[in-house]
């Protein structure tokens, strides 16, 4: 179930939004921008709905913090405001907001916009996954997302190192393992371990299809010390063994 973070200082409206959304989404609640930022970094929700005017931290500042943080910059943000002047709405969009809704608002319209943004987010995730799959080739493709580009670069540079695991990737990214896992899960629906394995095996498939290297050498180049373990992992991933792929 996708997660929505609602950041709203008005308790009544906060509870209304929770009631309207909780049948379809997991809902997190925050009463001000600072608490919202902390929850966003901790949980990496799929979407944030935030009021503009709040104590401690305004919604505009929250949006700016989210969009400039590598952990949260991919999260769509919907801003709610009682202000309706066009220049004020432009200000919100300039801070990175994905949508801007004036109060009072229609709940069905809000829910429709949320659905549309989440659908766009799912499409974005699919594009990222396709880009990860494409890294099986020798030339890495340019990434839409800077965080994913760094992840792929680190794994690619250590592809042949069997000791390069989740802890190594976390250190290279200067990020706690738990934070890395949450963010990567939000971006790709994969754990770091799954992503590393997938990238290794996609690279192996490319080498098997486009080179004459022995299977044992391909296994070594993607970080497998034992060819039998490599063949087992490869078949689990693609439904075919390396030797069968070569014989097609």
Protein backbone atom coordinates (compact mmCIF):
# COMPACT_ATOMS: atom_id res chain seq x y z
CA UNK A 1 0.00 0.00 0.00
CA UNK A 2 1.33 3.44 -0.94
CA UNK A 3 2.03 5.93 1.85
CA UNK A 4 0.84 9.55 2.01
CA UNK A 5 2.18 12.05 4.52
CA UNK A 6 -0.33 14.75 5.52
CA UNK A 7 1.23 17.87 7.05
CA UNK A 8 -1.48 20.16 8.41
CA UNK A 9 -1.65 22.24 11.59
CA UNK A 10 -5.47 22.34 11.65
CA UNK A 11 -6.44 19.22 13.58
CA UNK A 12 -9.95 18.98 12.10
CA UNK A 13 -8.70 19.18 8.52
CA UNK A 14 -5.85 16.80 9.31
CA UNK A 15 -8.32 14.19 10.55
CA UNK A 16 -10.66 14.76 7.58
CA UNK A 17 -7.81 14.08 5.18
CA UNK A 18 -6.81 11.00 7.15
CA UNK A 19 -10.37 9.65 7.05
CA UNK A 20 -10.74 10.29 3.33
CA UNK A 21 -7.42 8.70 2.38
CA UNK A 22 -6.88 5.84 4.81
CA UNK A 23 -9.03 3.31 2.94
CA UNK A 24 -6.67 3.47 -0.05
CA UNK A 25 -3.34 4.50 1.46
CA UNK A 26 -1.26 4.28 4.59
CA UNK A 27 -1.49 7.78 6.09
CA UNK A 28 1.15 9.49 8.20
CA UNK A 29 0.25 12.70 10.06
CA UNK A 30 2.32 15.74 11.06
CA UNK A 31 1.13 18.96 12.67
CA UNK A 32 3.85 21.27 11.33
CA UNK A 33 6.54 21.46 8.67
CA UNK A 34 9.43 20.45 10.91
CA UNK A 35 7.66 17.30 12.07
CA UNK A 36 6.64 16.64 8.47
CA UNK A 37 10.23 16.87 7.27
CA UNK A 38 11.40 14.45 9.95
CA UNK A 39 8.70 11.94 9.03
CA UNK A 40 9.42 12.30 5.31
CA UNK A 41 13.13 11.55 5.76
CA UNK A 42 12.37 8.68 8.14
CA UNK A 43 9.62 6.96 6.12
CA UNK A 44 10.13 8.24 2.52
CA UNK A 45 6.39 8.39 1.69
CA UNK A 46 5.04 8.12 -1.85
CA UNK A 47 3.40 11.57 -1.69
CA UNK A 48 3.18 14.57 0.65
CA UNK A 49 0.15 16.81 1.15
CA UNK A 50 1.06 19.96 3.05
CA UNK A 51 -0.55 23.20 4.11
CA UNK A 52 1.33 26.38 3.24
CA UNK A 53 0.94 28.42 6.43
CA UNK A 54 1.93 26.45 9.54
CA UNK A 55 3.85 27.00 12.76
CA UNK A 56 7.55 26.09 13.14
CA UNK A 57 8.08 25.61 9.39
CA UNK A 58 5.94 26.88 6.49
CA UNK A 59 4.86 24.46 3.78
CA UNK A 60 6.95 26.34 1.21
CA UNK A 61 10.07 25.76 3.30
CA UNK A 62 9.11 22.12 3.80
CA UNK A 63 8.70 21.68 0.06
CA UNK A 64 12.07 23.29 -0.61
CA UNK A 65 13.77 21.04 1.96
CA UNK A 66 12.16 17.94 0.47
CA UNK A 67 13.12 18.84 -3.09
CA UNK A 68 16.75 19.61 -2.23
CA UNK A 69 17.28 16.46 -0.13
CA UNK A 70 18.64 13.51 -2.11
CA UNK A 71 16.58 11.12 0.00
CA UNK A 72 13.23 12.86 -0.63
CA UNK A 73 13.54 14.90 -3.83
CA UNK A 74 11.55 12.38 -5.87
CA UNK A 75 8.43 12.64 -3.64
CA UNK A 76 5.46 14.49 -5.23
CA UNK A 77 4.21 17.40 -3.09
CA UNK A 78 0.64 18.77 -3.10
CA UNK A 79 0.28 22.15 -1.40
CA UNK A 80 -2.96 23.35 0.24
CA UNK A 81 -3.55 27.04 0.83
CA UNK A 82 -6.25 29.56 1.63
CA UNK A 83 -4.33 32.07 -0.50
CA UNK A 84 -5.47 32.29 -4.09
CA UNK A 85 -3.27 34.96 -5.69
CA UNK A 86 -1.57 33.72 -8.82
CA UNK A 87 1.89 34.97 -7.81
CA UNK A 88 1.63 33.11 -4.50
CA UNK A 89 0.73 29.90 -6.31
CA UNK A 90 3.66 30.44 -8.67
CA UNK A 91 5.90 30.78 -5.62
CA UNK A 92 4.76 27.38 -4.42
CA UNK A 93 5.43 25.79 -7.80
CA UNK A 94 8.86 27.45 -7.92
CA UNK A 95 9.68 25.71 -4.65
CA UNK A 96 9.13 22.38 -6.42
CA UNK A 97 5.48 21.67 -5.59
CA UNK A 98 3.85 19.27 -8.03
CA UNK A 99 0.33 20.60 -7.49
CA UNK A 100 -1.32 23.52 -5.73
CA UNK A 101 -4.90 23.40 -4.42
CA UNK A 102 -6.76 26.38 -2.94
CA UNK A 103 -8.98 26.03 0.12
CA UNK A 104 -11.82 25.28 0.37
CA UNK A 105 -11.30 22.34 -1.93
CA UNK A 106 -13.31 19.42 -3.24
CA UNK A 107 -12.18 16.17 -1.61
CA UNK A 108 -12.98 14.09 -4.75
CA UNK A 109 -10.85 16.46 -6.84
CA UNK A 110 -8.00 16.26 -4.31
CA UNK A 111 -8.19 12.46 -4.35
CA UNK A 112 -8.16 12.42 -8.15
CA UNK A 113 -5.07 14.64 -8.24
CA UNK A 114 -3.41 12.38 -5.70
CA UNK A 115 -4.18 9.33 -7.83
CA UNK A 116 -2.81 11.04 -10.94
CA UNK A 117 0.41 12.06 -9.21
CA UNK A 118 0.92 8.56 -7.83
CA UNK A 119 0.33 7.08 -11.28
CA UNK A 120 2.95 9.44 -12.68
CA UNK A 121 5.23 8.36 -9.85
CA UNK A 122 4.72 4.69 -10.74
CA UNK A 123 5.55 5.44 -14.38
CA UNK A 124 8.69 7.25 -13.25
CA UNK A 125 9.68 4.24 -11.14
CA UNK A 126 9.22 1.95 -14.15
CA UNK A 127 11.49 4.19 -16.21
CA UNK A 128 14.13 4.07 -13.48
CA UNK A 129 13.91 0.26 -13.38
CA UNK A 130 14.31 0.12 -17.14
CA UNK A 131 17.38 2.32 -16.86
CA UNK A 132 18.80 -0.04 -14.23
CA UNK A 133 18.18 -3.01 -16.54
CA UNK A 134 19.90 -1.15 -19.38
CA UNK A 135 23.09 -0.91 -17.33
CA UNK A 136 23.83 -4.49 -18.35
CA UNK A 137 25.51 -2.98 -21.39
CA UNK A 138 29.02 -1.57 -21.43
CA UNK A 139 27.75 2.00 -21.76
CA UNK A 140 25.69 3.22 -18.80
CA UNK A 141 22.61 5.25 -19.73
CA UNK A 142 22.07 8.77 -18.31
CA UNK A 143 19.75 8.70 -15.31
CA UNK A 144 16.82 10.99 -14.60
CA UNK A 145 17.55 10.77 -10.89
CA UNK A 146 20.90 11.80 -9.41
CA UNK A 147 20.56 9.41 -6.46
CA UNK A 148 20.02 6.41 -8.75
CA UNK A 149 22.84 7.54 -11.01
CA UNK A 150 25.21 7.47 -8.03
CA UNK A 151 23.91 4.07 -6.92
CA UNK A 152 24.41 2.54 -10.36
CA UNK A 153 27.85 4.12 -10.70
CA UNK A 154 29.01 2.66 -7.39
CA UNK A 155 27.72 -0.83 -8.14
CA UNK A 156 29.12 -0.69 -11.67
CA UNK A 157 32.58 0.32 -10.47
CA UNK A 158 32.66 -2.60 -8.01
CA UNK A 159 30.91 -5.17 -10.19
CA UNK A 160 33.74 -7.71 -10.03
CA UNK A 161 34.30 -7.34 -6.28
CA UNK A 162 32.52 -10.22 -4.49
CA UNK A 163 32.88 -8.37 -1.18
CA UNK A 164 30.92 -5.34 -2.42
CA UNK A 165 27.64 -5.79 -0.58
CA UNK A 166 24.94 -3.59 0.99
CA UNK A 167 27.26 -2.32 3.74
CA UNK A 168 29.83 -1.32 1.10
CA UNK A 169 27.23 0.50 -0.95
CA UNK A 170 25.93 2.29 2.13
CA UNK A 171 29.44 3.48 2.98
CA UNK A 172 30.09 4.60 -0.60
CA UNK A 173 26.84 6.58 -0.59
CA UNK A 174 27.62 8.07 2.85
CA UNK A 175 24.19 6.93 3.99
CA UNK A 176 22.93 4.72 6.81
CA UNK A 177 21.91 1.26 5.59
CA UNK A 178 18.35 1.78 6.81
CA UNK A 179 18.05 5.10 4.98
CA UNK A 180 19.53 3.59 1.83
CA UNK A 181 17.06 0.73 1.99
CA UNK A 182 14.02 3.00 2.49
CA UNK A 183 14.98 5.33 -0.34
CA UNK A 184 15.92 2.60 -2.78
CA UNK A 185 12.71 0.74 -1.99
CA UNK A 186 10.74 3.90 -2.73
CA UNK A 187 12.61 4.47 -6.00
CA UNK A 188 12.67 0.93 -7.38
CA UNK A 189 10.64 -1.31 -5.04
CA UNK A 190 13.87 -3.27 -4.57
CA UNK A 191 16.14 -3.71 -1.59
CA UNK A 192 19.83 -2.78 -2.03
CA UNK A 193 20.73 -6.48 -2.05
CA UNK A 194 18.18 -7.18 -4.79
CA UNK A 195 19.42 -4.24 -6.86
CA UNK A 196 23.07 -5.27 -6.62
CA UNK A 197 22.20 -8.85 -7.61
CA UNK A 198 19.99 -7.67 -10.48
CA UNK A 199 22.71 -5.39 -11.85
CA UNK A 200 25.33 -8.14 -11.64
CA UNK A 201 23.12 -10.60 -13.48
CA UNK A 202 22.03 -8.11 -16.15
CA UNK A 203 25.69 -7.35 -16.81
CA UNK A 204 26.39 -11.09 -16.97
CA UNK A 205 23.62 -11.61 -19.49
CA UNK A 206 25.02 -8.86 -21.68
CA UNK A 207 28.50 -10.42 -21.54
CA UNK A 208 27.14 -13.86 -22.38
CA UNK A 209 25.24 -12.51 -25.36
CA UNK A 210 27.91 -10.17 -26.69
CA UNK A 211 31.28 -11.76 -25.90
CA UNK A 212 33.05 -15.09 -26.18
CA UNK A 213 34.16 -15.16 -22.55
CA UNK A 214 33.78 -18.52 -20.79
CA UNK A 215 30.92 -18.74 -18.32
CA UNK A 216 33.40 -19.00 -15.44
CA UNK A 217 35.08 -15.73 -16.52
CA UNK A 218 31.71 -13.99 -16.85
CA UNK A 219 30.85 -15.14 -13.34
CA UNK A 220 34.16 -13.76 -12.04
CA UNK A 221 33.62 -10.40 -13.77
CA UNK A 222 30.27 -9.89 -12.03
CA UNK A 223 31.49 -10.82 -8.57
CA UNK A 224 30.77 -14.55 -8.31
CA UNK A 225 33.65 -16.71 -7.10
CA UNK A 226 31.83 -19.99 -7.71
CA UNK A 227 30.43 -20.65 -11.22
CA UNK A 228 27.82 -23.02 -9.78
CA UNK A 229 26.42 -20.25 -7.54
CA UNK A 230 26.43 -17.91 -10.51
CA UNK A 231 24.54 -20.38 -12.71
CA UNK A 232 21.96 -20.94 -9.99
CA UNK A 233 21.40 -17.20 -9.46
CA UNK A 234 21.28 -16.58 -13.20
CA UNK A 235 18.62 -19.24 -13.75
CA UNK A 236 16.55 -17.93 -10.83
CA UNK A 237 16.65 -14.45 -12.37
CA UNK A 238 16.04 -15.29 -16.04
CA UNK A 239 14.56 -18.80 -16.05
CA UNK A 240 17.43 -20.12 -18.16
CA UNK A 241 20.98 -21.20 -17.36
CA UNK A 242 24.02 -19.36 -18.77
CA UNK A 243 24.94 -22.35 -20.94
CA UNK A 244 21.39 -22.61 -22.28
CA UNK A 245 21.44 -18.91 -23.15
CA UNK A 246 24.67 -19.43 -25.08
CA UNK A 247 23.20 -22.38 -27.02
CA UNK A 248 20.09 -20.52 -28.23
